[in-house]
Amino acid sequence: MKRFMIGQFGSYNEEKQMRDFRSDFFGVEACLLEDDFDIEMLINKAEHDNFKIGIHFPLKAGGWRFKDPQFLSKDQKRK
């Protein structure tokens, strides 16, 4: 099973990334990153090391009035 992910919460932490991430892991789940620089750092690392980024909504801190998204997908046509 090679579907493990580590979390990055609040800010991108290179020390945590190096300590916890393994080459056979699937990726990183990110949440509430403080600024665009942290998001860019995570994206660059994912591209360089070839792993996926999962988003535990919201990705960026302080941008949403509510904790959860208002919808995850459009409603299918009802009969």
N, C-alpha and C. Protein backbone atom coordinates (compact mmCIF):
# COMPACT_ATOMS: atom_id res chain seq x y z
N MET A 1 0.85 -1.18 0.00
CA MET A 1 0.00 0.00 0.00
C MET A 1 0.89 1.24 0.00
N LYS A 2 0.78 2.01 -1.04
CA LYS A 2 1.62 3.20 -1.14
C LYS A 2 0.75 4.43 -1.34
N ARG A 3 -0.18 4.62 -0.43
CA ARG A 3 -1.12 5.74 -0.54
C ARG A 3 -1.04 6.65 0.69
N PHE A 4 0.07 6.65 1.36
CA PHE A 4 0.22 7.48 2.55
C PHE A 4 0.43 8.94 2.18
N MET A 5 -0.05 9.83 3.06
CA MET A 5 0.15 11.27 2.89
C MET A 5 0.58 11.84 4.24
N ILE A 6 1.36 12.91 4.18
CA ILE A 6 1.63 13.67 5.39
C ILE A 6 0.86 14.97 5.29
N GLY A 7 0.73 15.67 6.38
CA GLY A 7 0.02 16.94 6.38
C GLY A 7 0.95 18.13 6.49
N GLN A 8 0.55 19.22 5.87
CA GLN A 8 1.21 20.52 6.05
C GLN A 8 0.10 21.48 6.44
N PHE A 9 0.18 22.02 7.64
CA PHE A 9 -0.88 22.84 8.22
C PHE A 9 -0.29 24.18 8.67
N GLY A 10 -0.92 25.27 8.26
CA GLY A 10 -0.49 26.59 8.73
C GLY A 10 0.58 27.23 7.89
N SER A 11 1.65 26.49 7.64
CA SER A 11 2.72 26.98 6.78
C SER A 11 3.46 25.76 6.22
N TYR A 12 4.16 25.99 5.11
CA TYR A 12 4.97 24.91 4.56
C TYR A 12 6.20 24.76 5.44
N ASN A 13 6.46 23.55 5.90
CA ASN A 13 7.55 23.29 6.83
C ASN A 13 8.52 22.31 6.18
N GLU A 14 9.63 22.81 5.67
CA GLU A 14 10.61 21.98 4.99
C GLU A 14 11.19 20.92 5.92
N GLU A 15 11.41 21.27 7.18
CA GLU A 15 11.96 20.30 8.15
C GLU A 15 10.99 19.13 8.33
N LYS A 16 9.71 19.42 8.49
CA LYS A 16 8.70 18.36 8.62
C LYS A 16 8.65 17.52 7.35
N GLN A 17 8.71 18.18 6.19
CA GLN A 17 8.68 17.47 4.91
C GLN A 17 9.83 16.47 4.83
N MET A 18 11.02 16.91 5.15
CA MET A 18 12.20 16.04 5.08
C MET A 18 12.13 14.93 6.13
N ARG A 19 11.61 15.24 7.30
CA ARG A 19 11.55 14.26 8.39
C ARG A 19 10.50 13.19 8.14
N ASP A 20 9.30 13.58 7.68
CA ASP A 20 8.16 12.67 7.64
C ASP A 20 7.89 12.02 6.29
N PHE A 21 8.26 12.69 5.20
CA PHE A 21 7.89 12.20 3.88
C PHE A 21 8.84 11.09 3.43
N ARG A 22 8.28 10.07 2.80
CA ARG A 22 9.07 8.96 2.24
C ARG A 22 8.84 8.91 0.73
N SER A 23 9.80 8.43 0.00
CA SER A 23 9.74 8.45 -1.46
C SER A 23 8.56 7.66 -2.03
N ASP A 24 8.06 6.68 -1.30
CA ASP A 24 6.94 5.89 -1.82
C ASP A 24 5.57 6.40 -1.34
N PHE A 25 5.53 7.55 -0.65
CA PHE A 25 4.27 8.14 -0.22
C PHE A 25 3.56 8.75 -1.42
N PHE A 26 2.25 8.86 -1.32
CA PHE A 26 1.42 9.42 -2.38
C PHE A 26 1.56 10.94 -2.46
N GLY A 27 1.57 11.61 -1.31
CA GLY A 27 1.65 13.06 -1.37
C GLY A 27 1.50 13.75 -0.03
N VAL A 28 1.07 15.01 -0.12
CA VAL A 28 0.92 15.88 1.04
C VAL A 28 -0.49 16.45 1.04
N GLU A 29 -1.13 16.45 2.20
CA GLU A 29 -2.42 17.10 2.36
C GLU A 29 -2.18 18.45 3.03
N ALA A 30 -2.64 19.52 2.40
CA ALA A 30 -2.39 20.87 2.89
C ALA A 30 -3.68 21.53 3.35
N CYS A 31 -3.55 22.39 4.38
CA CYS A 31 -4.72 23.07 4.94
C CYS A 31 -4.29 24.36 5.62
N LEU A 32 -5.08 25.41 5.42
CA LEU A 32 -4.91 26.68 6.14
C LEU A 32 -3.51 27.26 6.03
N LEU A 33 -2.92 27.20 4.85
CA LEU A 33 -1.59 27.79 4.67
C LEU A 33 -1.72 29.31 4.77
N GLU A 34 -0.76 29.93 5.43
CA GLU A 34 -0.85 31.35 5.78
C GLU A 34 -0.74 32.29 4.59
N ASP A 35 0.09 31.97 3.61
CA ASP A 35 0.25 32.91 2.50
C ASP A 35 0.62 32.20 1.21
N ASP A 36 0.65 32.97 0.14
CA ASP A 36 0.92 32.42 -1.19
C ASP A 36 2.32 31.82 -1.28
N PHE A 37 3.28 32.36 -0.54
CA PHE A 37 4.64 31.83 -0.56
C PHE A 37 4.65 30.37 -0.10
N ASP A 38 3.91 30.05 0.96
CA ASP A 38 3.85 28.66 1.45
C ASP A 38 3.23 27.74 0.41
N ILE A 39 2.19 28.22 -0.27
CA ILE A 39 1.54 27.43 -1.31
C ILE A 39 2.51 27.19 -2.45
N GLU A 40 3.23 28.24 -2.88
CA GLU A 40 4.22 28.09 -3.95
C GLU A 40 5.33 27.13 -3.57
N MET A 41 5.79 27.20 -2.33
CA MET A 41 6.85 26.28 -1.87
C MET A 41 6.38 24.83 -1.97
N LEU A 42 5.14 24.57 -1.54
CA LEU A 42 4.60 23.22 -1.59
C LEU A 42 4.44 22.75 -3.03
N ILE A 43 3.93 23.60 -3.89
CA ILE A 43 3.77 23.24 -5.31
C ILE A 43 5.13 22.94 -5.93
N ASN A 44 6.12 23.78 -5.69
CA ASN A 44 7.46 23.55 -6.24
C ASN A 44 8.05 22.24 -5.76
N LYS A 45 7.87 21.95 -4.48
CA LYS A 45 8.39 20.69 -3.92
C LYS A 45 7.67 19.49 -4.55
N ALA A 46 6.35 19.61 -4.74
CA ALA A 46 5.58 18.52 -5.34
C ALA A 46 6.03 18.27 -6.78
N GLU A 47 6.26 19.33 -7.53
CA GLU A 47 6.72 19.18 -8.91
C GLU A 47 8.12 18.58 -8.95
N HIS A 48 8.99 19.06 -8.09
CA HIS A 48 10.38 18.57 -8.06
C HIS A 48 10.47 17.11 -7.62
N ASP A 49 9.69 16.74 -6.60
CA ASP A 49 9.77 15.39 -6.04
C ASP A 49 8.67 14.46 -6.54
N ASN A 50 7.85 14.94 -7.45
CA ASN A 50 6.83 14.13 -8.12
C ASN A 50 5.85 13.46 -7.14
N PHE A 51 5.17 14.29 -6.34
CA PHE A 51 4.10 13.78 -5.49
C PHE A 51 2.87 14.64 -5.67
N LYS A 52 1.74 14.15 -5.21
CA LYS A 52 0.45 14.83 -5.34
C LYS A 52 0.17 15.70 -4.12
N ILE A 53 -0.65 16.73 -4.35
CA ILE A 53 -1.10 17.59 -3.25
C ILE A 53 -2.60 17.40 -3.09
N GLY A 54 -3.01 17.05 -1.88
CA GLY A 54 -4.42 17.00 -1.54
C GLY A 54 -4.76 18.24 -0.73
N ILE A 55 -5.96 18.75 -0.91
CA ILE A 55 -6.36 19.96 -0.19
C ILE A 55 -7.44 19.62 0.82
N HIS A 56 -7.13 19.90 2.06
CA HIS A 56 -8.13 19.79 3.14
C HIS A 56 -8.66 21.20 3.31
N PHE A 57 -9.82 21.48 2.73
CA PHE A 57 -10.38 22.82 2.62
C PHE A 57 -10.43 23.53 3.97
N PRO A 58 -10.09 24.79 4.04
CA PRO A 58 -9.60 25.63 2.97
C PRO A 58 -8.09 25.55 2.86
N LEU A 59 -7.59 25.71 1.65
CA LEU A 59 -6.14 25.67 1.43
C LEU A 59 -5.44 26.86 2.08
N LYS A 60 -6.02 28.04 1.92
CA LYS A 60 -5.39 29.25 2.45
C LYS A 60 -6.19 29.77 3.65
N ALA A 61 -5.49 30.14 4.69
CA ALA A 61 -6.12 30.62 5.91
C ALA A 61 -6.77 31.99 5.71
N GLY A 62 -7.88 32.21 6.40
CA GLY A 62 -8.49 33.52 6.47
C GLY A 62 -9.32 33.95 5.28
N GLY A 63 -9.53 33.08 4.33
CA GLY A 63 -10.24 33.49 3.14
C GLY A 63 -11.69 33.10 3.08
N TRP A 64 -12.19 32.42 4.08
CA TRP A 64 -13.56 31.89 4.01
C TRP A 64 -14.33 32.22 5.28
N ARG A 65 -15.59 32.58 5.10
CA ARG A 65 -16.45 32.85 6.25
C ARG A 65 -16.86 31.57 6.96
N PHE A 66 -16.95 30.48 6.20
CA PHE A 66 -17.40 29.22 6.75
C PHE A 66 -16.28 28.19 6.68
N LYS A 67 -16.31 27.22 7.55
CA LYS A 67 -15.29 26.19 7.59
C LYS A 67 -15.33 25.30 6.35
N ASP A 68 -16.53 24.94 5.90
CA ASP A 68 -16.67 23.98 4.80
C ASP A 68 -17.08 24.68 3.52
N PRO A 69 -16.71 24.11 2.38
CA PRO A 69 -17.14 24.70 1.10
C PRO A 69 -18.65 24.62 0.97
N GLN A 70 -19.21 25.52 0.21
CA GLN A 70 -20.66 25.55 0.04
C GLN A 70 -21.16 24.40 -0.82
N PHE A 71 -20.34 23.91 -1.71
CA PHE A 71 -20.68 22.71 -2.48
C PHE A 71 -19.40 22.06 -2.97
N LEU A 72 -19.48 20.77 -3.20
CA LEU A 72 -18.32 20.04 -3.70
C LEU A 72 -18.43 19.77 -5.19
N SER A 73 -19.65 19.70 -5.67
CA SER A 73 -19.89 19.50 -7.10
C SER A 73 -21.29 20.00 -7.43
N LYS A 74 -21.53 20.23 -8.71
CA LYS A 74 -22.86 20.68 -9.11
C LYS A 74 -23.87 19.55 -8.91
N ASP A 75 -25.09 19.94 -8.54
CA ASP A 75 -26.17 18.96 -8.42
C ASP A 75 -26.47 18.35 -9.78
N GLN A 76 -26.72 17.07 -9.78
CA GLN A 76 -27.16 16.45 -11.02
C GLN A 76 -28.61 16.83 -11.26
N LYS A 77 -29.02 16.81 -12.50
CA LYS A 77 -30.39 17.18 -12.84
C LYS A 77 -31.37 16.25 -12.10
N ARG A 78 -32.32 16.84 -11.42
CA ARG A 78 -33.32 16.06 -10.68
C ARG A 78 -34.50 15.73 -11.57
N LYS A 79 -35.11 14.58 -11.30
CA LYS A 79 -36.28 14.14 -12.09
C LYS A 79 -37.54 14.79 -11.62
